Amino acid sequence: MKTTKTLQDWRKRRVRSRLRRKSSGRPRLSVFRSGKHIYAQVIDDSQGVTVASASSVDGSLKPKLKHGADKAAAAEVGKLVAERAVAAGIKEVVFDRGAYLFHGRVKALADAAREGGLTF
């Protein structure tokens, strides 16, 4: 029997391989969700650098958030990462949900990033 970690790694690899084929050189907005916080990065895979990042642990967001692991926190992180990416000159990205379903906090982050000016 396979472990949960192995299944998650396989699912993440499957999603990323499909993104690479369809990305056509656009940076990727990667999401990591833990039990207490949510993190987002805009990564340029061609150069191997992180262009913009935001998380619910960020100093500018910490006072505004009641919890780091709810939809409100995910929406704030999405707005902040979109604002930082647009400031860095990135408007179009591909959304990398990793091994997570596009539901709940991940969807809230994506919707807020779209409202913040990112296109995917």
PDB file of N, CA and C in Angstrom:
ATOM      1  N   MET A   1       0.837  -1.185   0.000  1.00  0.00           N
ATOM      2  CA  MET A   1       0.000   0.000   0.000  1.00  0.00           C
ATOM      3  C   MET A   1       0.880   1.247   0.000  1.00  0.00           C
ATOM      4  N   LYS A   2       0.533   2.206  -0.830  1.00  0.00           N
ATOM      5  CA  LYS A   2       1.313   3.435  -0.913  1.00  0.00           C
ATOM      6  C   LYS A   2       0.931   4.386   0.213  1.00  0.00           C
ATOM      7  N   THR A   3       1.898   5.163   0.650  1.00  0.00           N
ATOM      8  CA  THR A   3       1.629   6.119   1.712  1.00  0.00           C
ATOM      9  C   THR A   3       0.989   7.373   1.129  1.00  0.00           C
ATOM     10  N   THR A   4       0.398   8.164   1.993  1.00  0.00           N
ATOM     11  CA  THR A   4      -0.244   9.403   1.559  1.00  0.00           C
ATOM     12  C   THR A   4       0.778  10.360   0.952  1.00  0.00           C
ATOM     13  N   LYS A   5       1.957  10.427   1.550  1.00  0.00           N
ATOM     14  CA  LYS A   5       3.010  11.316   1.040  1.00  0.00           C
ATOM     15  C   LYS A   5       3.388  10.933  -0.387  1.00  0.00           C
ATOM     16  N   THR A   6       3.497   9.657  -0.660  1.00  0.00           N
ATOM     17  CA  THR A   6       3.840   9.202  -1.997  1.00  0.00           C
ATOM     18  C   THR A   6       2.756   9.585  -3.002  1.00  0.00           C
ATOM     19  N   LEU A   7       1.506   9.431  -2.608  1.00  0.00           N
ATOM     20  CA  LEU A   7       0.404   9.780  -3.501  1.00  0.00           C
ATOM     21  C   LEU A   7       0.358  11.279  -3.765  1.00  0.00           C
ATOM     22  N   GLN A   8       0.627  12.086  -2.743  1.00  0.00           N
ATOM     23  CA  GLN A   8       0.652  13.537  -2.928  1.00  0.00           C
ATOM     24  C   GLN A   8       1.790  13.952  -3.853  1.00  0.00           C
ATOM     25  N   ASP A   9       2.954  13.352  -3.687  1.00  0.00           N
ATOM     26  CA  ASP A   9       4.085  13.671  -4.559  1.00  0.00           C
ATOM     27  C   ASP A   9       3.768  13.321  -6.005  1.00  0.00           C
ATOM     28  N   TRP A  10       3.121  12.178  -6.219  1.00  0.00           N
ATOM     29  CA  TRP A  10       2.767  11.760  -7.563  1.00  0.00           C
ATOM     30  C   TRP A  10       1.769  12.731  -8.183  1.00  0.00           C
ATOM     31  N   ARG A  11       0.778  13.146  -7.394  1.00  0.00           N
ATOM     32  CA  ARG A  11      -0.236  14.087  -7.884  1.00  0.00           C
ATOM     33  C   ARG A  11       0.401  15.433  -8.211  1.00  0.00           C
ATOM     34  N   LYS A  12       1.323  15.902  -7.359  1.00  0.00           N
ATOM     35  CA  LYS A  12       2.004  17.179  -7.593  1.00  0.00           C
ATOM     36  C   LYS A  12       2.842  17.115  -8.869  1.00  0.00           C
ATOM     37  N   ARG A  13       3.555  16.011  -9.084  1.00  0.00           N
ATOM     38  CA  ARG A  13       4.353  15.863 -10.296  1.00  0.00           C
ATOM     39  C   ARG A  13       3.475  15.849 -11.539  1.00  0.00           C
ATOM     40  N   ARG A  14       2.321  15.183 -11.449  1.00  0.00           N
ATOM     41  CA  ARG A  14       1.397  15.116 -12.582  1.00  0.00           C
ATOM     42  C   ARG A  14       0.883  16.509 -12.944  1.00  0.00           C
ATOM     43  N   VAL A  15       0.501  17.301 -11.952  1.00  0.00           N
ATOM     44  CA  VAL A  15      -0.002  18.655 -12.191  1.00  0.00           C
ATOM     45  C   VAL A  15       1.100  19.527 -12.784  1.00  0.00           C
ATOM     46  N   ARG A  16       2.316  19.453 -12.223  1.00  0.00           N
ATOM     47  CA  ARG A  16       3.417  20.288 -12.715  1.00  0.00           C
ATOM     48  C   ARG A  16       3.834  19.933 -14.130  1.00  0.00           C
ATOM     49  N   SER A  17       3.814  18.635 -14.467  1.00  0.00           N
ATOM     50  CA  SER A  17       4.213  18.255 -15.826  1.00  0.00           C
ATOM     51  C   SER A  17       3.202  18.788 -16.845  1.00  0.00           C
ATOM     52  N   ARG A  18       1.932  18.790 -16.495  1.00  0.00           N
ATOM     53  CA  ARG A  18       0.917  19.351 -17.398  1.00  0.00           C
ATOM     54  C   ARG A  18       1.065  20.859 -17.508  1.00  0.00           C
ATOM     55  N   LEU A  19       1.427  21.507 -16.417  1.00  0.00           N
ATOM     56  CA  LEU A  19       1.631  22.956 -16.449  1.00  0.00           C
ATOM     57  C   LEU A  19       2.807  23.334 -17.336  1.00  0.00           C
ATOM     58  N   ARG A  20       3.881  22.566 -17.266  1.00  0.00           N
ATOM     59  CA  ARG A  20       5.055  22.876 -18.085  1.00  0.00           C
ATOM     60  C   ARG A  20       4.726  22.820 -19.566  1.00  0.00           C
ATOM     61  N   ARG A  21       3.887  21.849 -19.943  1.00  0.00           N
ATOM     62  CA  ARG A  21       3.522  21.726 -21.353  1.00  0.00           C
ATOM     63  C   ARG A  21       2.664  22.885 -21.818  1.00  0.00           C
ATOM     64  N   LYS A  22       1.800  23.397 -20.950  1.00  0.00           N
ATOM     65  CA  LYS A  22       0.852  24.430 -21.349  1.00  0.00           C
ATOM     66  C   LYS A  22       1.288  25.850 -20.997  1.00  0.00           C
ATOM     67  N   SER A  23       2.387  25.999 -20.263  1.00  0.00           N
ATOM     68  CA  SER A  23       2.741  27.317 -19.743  1.00  0.00           C
ATOM     69  C   SER A  23       3.273  28.271 -20.798  1.00  0.00           C
ATOM     70  N   SER A  24       3.926  27.764 -21.816  1.00  0.00           N
ATOM     71  CA  SER A  24       4.537  28.562 -22.882  1.00  0.00           C
ATOM     72  C   SER A  24       5.401  29.696 -22.325  1.00  0.00           C
ATOM     73  N   GLY A  25       6.207  29.375 -21.320  1.00  0.00           N
ATOM     74  CA  GLY A  25       7.180  30.329 -20.794  1.00  0.00           C
ATOM     75  C   GLY A  25       6.665  31.281 -19.733  1.00  0.00           C
ATOM     76  N   ARG A  26       5.396  31.167 -19.347  1.00  0.00           N
ATOM     77  CA  ARG A  26       4.874  32.054 -18.307  1.00  0.00           C
ATOM     78  C   ARG A  26       5.344  31.588 -16.933  1.00  0.00           C
ATOM     79  N   PRO A  27       5.513  32.503 -15.991  1.00  0.00           N
ATOM     80  CA  PRO A  27       5.849  32.101 -14.620  1.00  0.00           C
ATOM     81  C   PRO A  27       4.677  31.359 -13.983  1.00  0.00           C
ATOM     82  N   ARG A  28       4.951  30.656 -12.895  1.00  0.00           N
ATOM     83  CA  ARG A  28       3.882  29.897 -12.252  1.00  0.00           C
ATOM     84  C   ARG A  28       3.626  30.426 -10.858  1.00  0.00           C
ATOM     85  N   LEU A  29       2.343  30.481 -10.513  1.00  0.00           N
ATOM     86  CA  LEU A  29       1.898  30.884  -9.180  1.00  0.00           C
ATOM     87  C   LEU A  29       1.691  29.601  -8.387  1.00  0.00           C
ATOM     88  N   SER A  30       2.624  29.310  -7.500  1.00  0.00           N
ATOM     89  CA  SER A  30       2.612  28.072  -6.739  1.00  0.00           C
ATOM     90  C   SER A  30       2.019  28.316  -5.355  1.00  0.00           C
ATOM     91  N   VAL A  31       1.179  27.384  -4.896  1.00  0.00           N
ATOM     92  CA  VAL A  31       0.494  27.513  -3.614  1.00  0.00           C
ATOM     93  C   VAL A  31       0.914  26.368  -2.698  1.00  0.00           C
ATOM     94  N   PHE A  32       1.225  26.705  -1.443  1.00  0.00           N
ATOM     95  CA  PHE A  32       1.457  25.696  -0.416  1.00  0.00           C
ATOM     96  C   PHE A  32       0.530  26.001   0.744  1.00  0.00           C
ATOM     97  N   ARG A  33      -0.174  24.973   1.190  1.00  0.00           N
ATOM     98  CA  ARG A  33      -1.159  25.132   2.238  1.00  0.00           C
ATOM     99  C   ARG A  33      -0.771  24.223   3.394  1.00  0.00           C
ATOM    100  N   SER A  34      -0.612  24.797   4.574  1.00  0.00           N
ATOM    101  CA  SER A  34      -0.351  23.979   5.755  1.00  0.00           C
ATOM    102  C   SER A  34      -1.564  24.072   6.672  1.00  0.00           C
ATOM    103  N   GLY A  35      -1.493  23.438   7.802  1.00  0.00           N
ATOM    104  CA  GLY A  35      -2.602  23.463   8.731  1.00  0.00           C
ATOM    105  C   GLY A  35      -2.813  24.818   9.373  1.00  0.00           C
ATOM    106  N   LYS A  36      -1.742  25.620   9.469  1.00  0.00           N
ATOM    107  CA  LYS A  36      -1.834  26.907  10.154  1.00  0.00           C
ATOM    108  C   LYS A  36      -1.696  28.121   9.236  1.00  0.00           C
ATOM    109  N   HIS A  37      -1.093  27.952   8.061  1.00  0.00           N
ATOM    110  CA  HIS A  37      -0.811  29.094   7.194  1.00  0.00           C
ATOM    111  C   HIS A  37      -0.979  28.710   5.727  1.00  0.00           C
ATOM    112  N   ILE A  38      -0.897  29.724   4.864  1.00  0.00           N
ATOM    113  CA  ILE A  38      -0.932  29.512   3.418  1.00  0.00           C
ATOM    114  C   ILE A  38       0.145  30.396   2.793  1.00  0.00           C
ATOM    115  N   TYR A  39       0.809  29.865   1.789  1.00  0.00           N
ATOM    116  CA  TYR A  39       1.936  30.537   1.156  1.00  0.00           C
ATOM    117  C   TYR A  39       1.732  30.543  -0.351  1.00  0.00           C
ATOM    118  N   ALA A  40       2.209  31.587  -1.023  1.00  0.00           N
ATOM    119  CA  ALA A  40       2.122  31.665  -2.486  1.00  0.00           C
ATOM    120  C   ALA A  40       3.399  32.287  -3.030  1.00  0.00           C
ATOM    121  N   GLN A  41       3.863  31.759  -4.152  1.00  0.00           N
ATOM    122  CA  GLN A  41       5.058  32.281  -4.813  1.00  0.00           C
ATOM    123  C   GLN A  41       4.820  32.360  -6.312  1.00  0.00           C
ATOM    124  N   VAL A  42       5.371  33.383  -6.930  1.00  0.00           N
ATOM    125  CA  VAL A  42       5.414  33.461  -8.386  1.00  0.00           C
ATOM    126  C   VAL A  42       6.834  33.097  -8.772  1.00  0.00           C
ATOM    127  N   ILE A  43       6.981  31.974  -9.484  1.00  0.00           N
ATOM    128  CA  ILE A  43       8.297  31.410  -9.784  1.00  0.00           C
ATOM    129  C   ILE A  43       8.532  31.432 -11.283  1.00  0.00           C
ATOM    130  N   ASP A  44       9.692  31.947 -11.694  1.00  0.00           N
ATOM    131  CA  ASP A  44      10.105  31.909 -13.090  1.00  0.00           C
ATOM    132  C   ASP A  44      10.994  30.681 -13.263  1.00  0.00           C
ATOM    133  N   ASP A  45      10.437  29.620 -13.822  1.00  0.00           N
ATOM    134  CA  ASP A  45      11.170  28.359 -13.946  1.00  0.00           C
ATOM    135  C   ASP A  45      12.292  28.424 -14.970  1.00  0.00           C
ATOM    136  N   SER A  46      12.196  29.305 -15.946  1.00  0.00           N
ATOM    137  CA  SER A  46      13.258  29.389 -16.953  1.00  0.00           C
ATOM    138  C   SER A  46      14.557  29.908 -16.342  1.00  0.00           C
ATOM    139  N   GLN A  47      14.455  30.805 -15.368  1.00  0.00           N
ATOM    140  CA  GLN A  47      15.646  31.333 -14.696  1.00  0.00           C
ATOM    141  C   GLN A  47      15.869  30.702 -13.328  1.00  0.00           C
ATOM    142  N   GLY A  48      14.842  30.037 -12.807  1.00  0.00           N
ATOM    143  CA  GLY A  48      14.959  29.388 -11.511  1.00  0.00           C
ATOM    144  C   GLY A  48      14.948  30.367 -10.348  1.00  0.00           C
ATOM    145  N   VAL A  49      14.151  31.428 -10.450  1.00  0.00           N
ATOM    146  CA  VAL A  49      14.090  32.431  -9.384  1.00  0.00           C
ATOM    147  C   VAL A  49      12.646  32.674  -8.957  1.00  0.00           C
ATOM    148  N   THR A  50      12.493  33.072  -7.705  1.00  0.00           N
ATOM    149  CA  THR A  50      11.193  33.483  -7.191  1.00  0.00           C
ATOM    150  C   THR A  50      11.043  34.976  -7.430  1.00  0.00           C
ATOM    151  N   VAL A  51      10.027  35.362  -8.177  1.00  0.00           N
ATOM    152  CA  VAL A  51       9.810  36.753  -8.543  1.00  0.00           C
ATOM    153  C   VAL A  51       9.071  37.502  -7.433  1.00  0.00           C
ATOM    154  N   ALA A  52       8.038  36.868  -6.868  1.00  0.00           N
ATOM    155  CA  ALA A  52       7.243  37.496  -5.810  1.00  0.00           C
ATOM    156  C   ALA A  52       6.726  36.406  -4.884  1.00  0.00           C
ATOM    157  N   SER A  53       6.539  36.763  -3.628  1.00  0.00           N
ATOM    158  CA  SER A  53       5.989  35.789  -2.690  1.00  0.00           C
ATOM    159  C   SER A  53       5.181  36.511  -1.619  1.00  0.00           C
ATOM    160  N   ALA A  54       4.274  35.758  -1.002  1.00  0.00           N
ATOM    161  CA  ALA A  54       3.471  36.287   0.097  1.00  0.00           C
ATOM    162  C   ALA A  54       2.993  35.103   0.921  1.00  0.00           C
ATOM    163  N   SER A  55       2.730  35.350   2.185  1.00  0.00           N
ATOM    164  CA  SER A  55       2.207  34.294   3.042  1.00  0.00           C
ATOM    165  C   SER A  55       1.422  34.906   4.188  1.00  0.00           C
ATOM    166  N   SER A  56       0.688  34.049   4.882  1.00  0.00           N
ATOM    167  CA  SER A  56      -0.078  34.531   6.022  1.00  0.00           C
ATOM    168  C   SER A  56       0.819  34.806   7.217  1.00  0.00           C
ATOM    169  N   VAL A  57       2.104  34.481   7.118  1.00  0.00           N
ATOM    170  CA  VAL A  57       3.077  34.762   8.166  1.00  0.00           C
ATOM    171  C   VAL A  57       3.727  36.129   7.928  1.00  0.00           C
ATOM    172  N   ASP A  58       3.503  36.701   6.761  1.00  0.00           N
ATOM    173  CA  ASP A  58       4.108  37.973   6.369  1.00  0.00           C
ATOM    174  C   ASP A  58       3.812  39.064   7.394  1.00  0.00           C
ATOM    175  N   GLY A  59       4.795  39.875   7.683  1.00  0.00           N
ATOM    176  CA  GLY A  59       4.658  40.919   8.695  1.00  0.00           C
ATOM    177  C   GLY A  59       3.573  41.933   8.400  1.00  0.00           C
ATOM    178  N   SER A  60       3.347  42.236   7.121  1.00  0.00           N
ATOM    179  CA  SER A  60       2.330  43.222   6.775  1.00  0.00           C
ATOM    180  C   SER A  60       0.914  42.652   6.899  1.00  0.00           C
ATOM    181  N   LEU A  61       0.775  41.336   6.804  1.00  0.00           N
ATOM    182  CA  LEU A  61      -0.550  40.723   6.896  1.00  0.00           C
ATOM    183  C   LEU A  61      -0.899  40.233   8.298  1.00  0.00           C
ATOM    184  N   LYS A  62       0.099  39.911   9.073  1.00  0.00           N
ATOM    185  CA  LYS A  62      -0.125  39.291  10.387  1.00  0.00           C
ATOM    186  C   LYS A  62      -1.098  40.073  11.267  1.00  0.00           C
ATOM    187  N   PRO A  63      -0.974  41.395  11.390  1.00  0.00           N
ATOM    188  CA  PRO A  63      -1.919  42.122  12.258  1.00  0.00           C
ATOM    189  C   PRO A  63      -3.364  42.124  11.736  1.00  0.00           C
ATOM    190  N   LYS A  64      -3.550  42.003  10.407  1.00  0.00           N
ATOM    191  CA  LYS A  64      -4.890  42.050   9.819  1.00  0.00           C
ATOM    192  C   LYS A  64      -5.653  40.737   9.967  1.00  0.00           C
ATOM    193  N   LEU A  65      -4.925  39.632  10.129  1.00  0.00           N
ATOM    194  CA  LEU A  65      -5.552  38.321  10.097  1.00  0.00           C
ATOM    195  C   LEU A  65      -5.862  37.792  11.490  1.00  0.00           C
ATOM    196  N   LYS A  66      -7.044  37.214  11.617  1.00  0.00           N
ATOM    197  CA  LYS A  66      -7.396  36.573  12.879  1.00  0.00           C
ATOM    198  C   LYS A  66      -6.770  35.183  12.929  1.00  0.00           C
ATOM    199  N   HIS A  67      -6.845  34.442  11.834  1.00  0.00           N
ATOM    200  CA  HIS A  67      -6.233  33.126  11.698  1.00  0.00           C
ATOM    201  C   HIS A  67      -5.447  33.101  10.390  1.00  0.00           C
ATOM    202  N   GLY A  68      -4.415  32.292  10.326  1.00  0.00           N
ATOM    203  CA  GLY A  68      -3.630  32.184   9.110  1.00  0.00           C
ATOM    204  C   GLY A  68      -4.114  31.090   8.189  1.00  0.00           C
ATOM    205  N   ALA A  69      -5.132  30.331   8.619  1.00  0.00           N
ATOM    206  CA  ALA A  69      -5.537  29.157   7.856  1.00  0.00           C
ATOM    207  C   ALA A  69      -7.017  29.181   7.499  1.00  0.00           C
ATOM    208  N   ASP A  70      -7.536  30.333   7.104  1.00  0.00           N
ATOM    209  CA  ASP A  70      -8.924  30.381   6.670  1.00  0.00           C
ATOM    210  C   ASP A  70      -9.010  31.068   5.316  1.00  0.00           C
ATOM    211  N   LYS A  71     -10.213  31.133   4.767  1.00  0.00           N
ATOM    212  CA  LYS A  71     -10.393  31.714   3.436  1.00  0.00           C
ATOM    213  C   LYS A  71     -10.058  33.196   3.404  1.00  0.00           C
ATOM    214  N   ALA A  72     -10.320  33.897   4.491  1.00  0.00           N
ATOM    215  CA  ALA A  72     -10.006  35.328   4.541  1.00  0.00           C
ATOM    216  C   ALA A  72      -8.496  35.547   4.441  1.00  0.00           C
ATOM    217  N   ALA A  73      -7.730  34.720   5.134  1.00  0.00           N
ATOM    218  CA  ALA A  73      -6.273  34.824   5.065  1.00  0.00           C
ATOM    219  C   ALA A  73      -5.785  34.483   3.658  1.00  0.00           C
ATOM    220  N   ALA A  74      -6.365  33.463   3.042  1.00  0.00           N
ATOM    221  CA  ALA A  74      -5.976  33.083   1.686  1.00  0.00           C
ATOM    222  C   ALA A  74      -6.267  34.206   0.697  1.00  0.00           C
ATOM    223  N   ALA A  75      -7.390  34.881   0.875  1.00  0.00           N
ATOM    224  CA  ALA A  75      -7.731  35.992  -0.012  1.00  0.00           C
ATOM    225  C   ALA A  75      -6.744  37.144   0.150  1.00  0.00           C
ATOM    226  N   GLU A  76      -6.369  37.449   1.373  1.00  0.00           N
ATOM    227  CA  GLU A  76      -5.388  38.520   1.612  1.00  0.00           C
ATOM    228  C   GLU A  76      -4.031  38.171   1.002  1.00  0.00           C
ATOM    229  N   VAL A  77      -3.618  36.910   1.139  1.00  0.00           N
ATOM    230  CA  VAL A  77      -2.344  36.464   0.558  1.00  0.00           C
ATOM    231  C   VAL A  77      -2.415  36.556  -0.962  1.00  0.00           C
ATOM    232  N   GLY A  78      -3.546  36.181  -1.556  1.00  0.00           N
ATOM    233  CA  GLY A  78      -3.716  36.276  -3.001  1.00  0.00           C
ATOM    234  C   GLY A  78      -3.610  37.704  -3.510  1.00  0.00           C
ATOM    235  N   LYS A  79      -4.239  38.627  -2.795  1.00  0.00           N
ATOM    236  CA  LYS A  79      -4.147  40.044  -3.186  1.00  0.00           C
ATOM    237  C   LYS A  79      -2.716  40.548  -3.085  1.00  0.00           C
ATOM    238  N   LEU A  80      -2.028  40.170  -1.998  1.00  0.00           N
ATOM    239  CA  LEU A  80      -0.663  40.652  -1.785  1.00  0.00           C
ATOM    240  C   LEU A  80       0.305  40.084  -2.817  1.00  0.00           C
ATOM    241  N   VAL A  81       0.190  38.803  -3.123  1.00  0.00           N
ATOM    242  CA  VAL A  81       1.104  38.223  -4.106  1.00  0.00           C
ATOM    243  C   VAL A  81       0.833  38.803  -5.494  1.00  0.00           C
ATOM    244  N   ALA A  82      -0.425  39.084  -5.818  1.00  0.00           N
ATOM    245  CA  ALA A  82      -0.746  39.704  -7.111  1.00  0.00           C
ATOM    246  C   ALA A  82      -0.170  41.114  -7.184  1.00  0.00           C
ATOM    247  N   GLU A  83      -0.301  41.858  -6.108  1.00  0.00           N
ATOM    248  CA  GLU A  83       0.236  43.221  -6.063  1.00  0.00           C
ATOM    249  C   GLU A  83       1.752  43.208  -6.254  1.00  0.00           C
ATOM    250  N   ARG A  84       2.433  42.288  -5.592  1.00  0.00           N
ATOM    251  CA  ARG A  84       3.897  42.207  -5.712  1.00  0.00           C
ATOM    252  C   ARG A  84       4.327  41.719  -7.089  1.00  0.00           C
ATOM    253  N   ALA A  85       3.567  40.811  -7.689  1.00  0.00           N
ATOM    254  CA  ALA A  85       3.914  40.317  -9.021  1.00  0.00           C
ATOM    255  C   ALA A  85       3.711  41.393 -10.073  1.00  0.00           C
ATOM    256  N   VAL A  86       2.623  42.141  -9.968  1.00  0.00           N
ATOM    257  CA  VAL A  86       2.374  43.227 -10.921  1.00  0.00           C
ATOM    258  C   VAL A  86       3.451  44.297 -10.784  1.00  0.00           C
ATOM    259  N   ALA A  87       3.878  44.563  -9.553  1.00  0.00           N
ATOM    260  CA  ALA A  87       4.957  45.533  -9.342  1.00  0.00           C
ATOM    261  C   ALA A  87       6.267  45.049  -9.965  1.00  0.00           C
ATOM    262  N   ALA A  88       6.450  43.730 -10.033  1.00  0.00           N
ATOM    263  CA  ALA A  88       7.652  43.162 -10.646  1.00  0.00           C
ATOM    264  C   ALA A  88       7.514  43.013 -12.155  1.00  0.00           C
ATOM    265  N   GLY A  89       6.358  43.389 -12.707  1.00  0.00           N
ATOM    266  CA  GLY A  89       6.163  43.354 -14.150  1.00  0.00           C
ATOM    267  C   GLY A  89       5.557  42.065 -14.676  1.00  0.00           C
ATOM    268  N   ILE A  90       4.953  41.278 -13.834  1.00  0.00           N
ATOM    269  CA  ILE A  90       4.337  40.011 -14.250  1.00  0.00           C
ATOM    270  C   ILE A  90       2.827  40.176 -14.211  1.00  0.00           C
ATOM    271  N   LYS A  91       2.170  39.898 -15.326  1.00  0.00           N
ATOM    272  CA  LYS A  91       0.714  39.994 -15.377  1.00  0.00           C
ATOM    273  C   LYS A  91       0.065  38.643 -15.673  1.00  0.00           C
ATOM    274  N   GLU A  92       0.774  37.766 -16.409  1.00  0.00           N
ATOM    275  CA  GLU A  92       0.224  36.470 -16.788  1.00  0.00           C
ATOM    276  C   GLU A  92       1.030  35.363 -16.135  1.00  0.00           C
ATOM    277  N   VAL A  93       0.329  34.445 -15.488  1.00  0.00           N
ATOM    278  CA  VAL A  93       0.958  33.305 -14.824  1.00  0.00           C
ATOM    279  C   VAL A  93       0.140  32.051 -15.115  1.00  0.00           C
ATOM    280  N   VAL A  94       0.689  30.906 -14.755  1.00  0.00           N
ATOM    281  CA  VAL A  94      -0.083  29.660 -14.726  1.00  0.00           C
ATOM    282  C   VAL A  94      -0.250  29.294 -13.256  1.00  0.00           C
ATOM    283  N   PHE A  95      -1.409  28.788 -12.897  1.00  0.00           N
ATOM    284  CA  PHE A  95      -1.712  28.502 -11.505  1.00  0.00           C
ATOM    285  C   PHE A  95      -1.322  27.065 -11.178  1.00  0.00           C
ATOM    286  N   ASP A  96      -0.410  26.906 -10.225  1.00  0.00           N
ATOM    287  CA  ASP A  96       0.058  25.593  -9.781  1.00  0.00           C
ATOM    288  C   ASP A  96      -0.564  25.292  -8.428  1.00  0.00           C
ATOM    289  N   ARG A  97      -1.591  24.463  -8.429  1.00  0.00           N
ATOM    290  CA  ARG A  97      -2.270  24.137  -7.187  1.00  0.00           C
ATOM    291  C   ARG A  97      -1.563  23.034  -6.424  1.00  0.00           C
ATOM    292  N   GLY A  98      -0.524  22.447  -7.003  1.00  0.00           N
ATOM    293  CA  GLY A  98       0.204  21.369  -6.347  1.00  0.00           C
ATOM    294  C   GLY A  98      -0.671  20.142  -6.219  1.00  0.00           C
ATOM    295  N   ALA A  99      -0.678  19.537  -5.042  1.00  0.00           N
ATOM    296  CA  ALA A  99      -1.474  18.330  -4.816  1.00  0.00           C
ATOM    297  C   ALA A  99      -2.839  18.650  -4.229  1.00  0.00           C
ATOM    298  N   TYR A 100      -3.187  19.941  -4.151  1.00  0.00           N
ATOM    299  CA  TYR A 100      -4.435  20.350  -3.504  1.00  0.00           C
ATOM    300  C   TYR A 100      -5.553  20.488  -4.530  1.00  0.00           C
ATOM    301  N   LEU A 101      -6.777  20.243  -4.091  1.00  0.00           N
ATOM    302  CA  LEU A 101      -7.933  20.465  -4.941  1.00  0.00           C
ATOM    303  C   LEU A 101      -8.187  21.959  -5.092  1.00  0.00           C
ATOM    304  N   PHE A 102      -8.744  22.353  -6.220  1.00  0.00           N
ATOM    305  CA  PHE A 102      -9.079  23.760  -6.444  1.00  0.00           C
ATOM    306  C   PHE A 102     -10.396  24.039  -5.742  1.00  0.00           C
ATOM    307  N   HIS A 103     -10.306  24.205  -4.428  1.00  0.00           N
ATOM    308  CA  HIS A 103     -11.481  24.324  -3.589  1.00  0.00           C
ATOM    309  C   HIS A 103     -11.072  25.002  -2.284  1.00  0.00           C
ATOM    310  N   GLY A 104     -11.974  25.733  -1.670  1.00  0.00           N
ATOM    311  CA  GLY A 104     -11.699  26.313  -0.351  1.00  0.00           C
ATOM    312  C   GLY A 104     -10.638  27.391  -0.376  1.00  0.00           C
ATOM    313  N   ARG A 105      -9.602  27.204   0.448  1.00  0.00           N
ATOM    314  CA  ARG A 105      -8.556  28.220   0.584  1.00  0.00           C
ATOM    315  C   ARG A 105      -7.776  28.424  -0.701  1.00  0.00           C
ATOM    316  N   VAL A 106      -7.526  27.354  -1.446  1.00  0.00           N
ATOM    317  CA  VAL A 106      -6.775  27.471  -2.698  1.00  0.00           C
ATOM    318  C   VAL A 106      -7.580  28.281  -3.715  1.00  0.00           C
ATOM    319  N   LYS A 107      -8.871  28.030  -3.790  1.00  0.00           N
ATOM    320  CA  LYS A 107      -9.735  28.783  -4.704  1.00  0.00           C
ATOM    321  C   LYS A 107      -9.851  30.240  -4.270  1.00  0.00           C
ATOM    322  N   ALA A 108      -9.937  30.497  -2.966  1.00  0.00           N
ATOM    323  CA  ALA A 108     -10.017  31.872  -2.467  1.00  0.00           C
ATOM    324  C   ALA A 108      -8.756  32.649  -2.824  1.00  0.00           C
ATOM    325  N   LEU A 109      -7.596  32.013  -2.708  1.00  0.00           N
ATOM    326  CA  LEU A 109      -6.336  32.658  -3.072  1.00  0.00           C
ATOM    327  C   LEU A 109      -6.309  32.961  -4.566  1.00  0.00           C
ATOM    328  N   ALA A 110      -6.743  32.007  -5.391  1.00  0.00           N
ATOM    329  CA  ALA A 110      -6.742  32.207  -6.841  1.00  0.00           C
ATOM    330  C   ALA A 110      -7.679  33.330  -7.253  1.00  0.00           C
ATOM    331  N   ASP A 111      -8.871  33.369  -6.676  1.00  0.00           N
ATOM    332  CA  ASP A 111      -9.831  34.419  -7.017  1.00  0.00           C
ATOM    333  C   ASP A 111      -9.298  35.800  -6.623  1.00  0.00           C
ATOM    334  N   ALA A 112      -8.672  35.893  -5.461  1.00  0.00           N
ATOM    335  CA  ALA A 112      -8.117  37.172  -5.015  1.00  0.00           C
ATOM    336  C   ALA A 112      -6.943  37.597  -5.888  1.00  0.00           C
ATOM    337  N   ALA A 113      -6.147  36.643  -6.346  1.00  0.00           N
ATOM    338  CA  ALA A 113      -5.026  36.971  -7.232  1.00  0.00           C
ATOM    339  C   ALA A 113      -5.545  37.493  -8.572  1.00  0.00           C
ATOM    340  N   ARG A 114      -6.635  36.909  -9.057  1.00  0.00           N
ATOM    341  CA  ARG A 114      -7.248  37.415 -10.301  1.00  0.00           C
ATOM    342  C   ARG A 114      -7.762  38.834 -10.116  1.00  0.00           C
ATOM    343  N   GLU A 115      -8.396  39.083  -8.980  1.00  0.00           N
ATOM    344  CA  GLU A 115      -8.892  40.441  -8.697  1.00  0.00           C
ATOM    345  C   GLU A 115      -7.743  41.422  -8.560  1.00  0.00           C
ATOM    346  N   GLY A 116      -6.592  40.938  -8.092  1.00  0.00           N
ATOM    347  CA  GLY A 116      -5.423  41.799  -7.914  1.00  0.00           C
ATOM    348  C   GLY A 116      -4.687  42.131  -9.203  1.00  0.00           C
ATOM    349  N   GLY A 117      -5.080  41.509 -10.322  1.00  0.00           N
ATOM    350  CA  GLY A 117      -4.473  41.876 -11.598  1.00  0.00           C
ATOM    351  C   GLY A 117      -3.743  40.768 -12.317  1.00  0.00           C
ATOM    352  N   LEU A 118      -3.658  39.563 -11.745  1.00  0.00           N
ATOM    353  CA  LEU A 118      -2.998  38.462 -12.437  1.00  0.00           C
ATOM    354  C   LEU A 118      -3.990  37.755 -13.345  1.00  0.00           C
ATOM    355  N   THR A 119      -3.495  37.276 -14.475  1.00  0.00           N
ATOM    356  CA  THR A 119      -4.312  36.550 -15.440  1.00  0.00           C
ATOM    357  C   THR A 119      -3.812  35.119 -15.527  1.00  0.00           C
ATOM    358  N   PHE A 120      -4.729  34.171 -15.327  1.00  0.00           N
ATOM    359  CA  PHE A 120      -4.414  32.751 -15.534  1.00  0.00           C
ATOM    360  C   PHE A 120      -5.665  31.972 -15.839  1.00  0.00           C
TER     361      PHE A 120
END
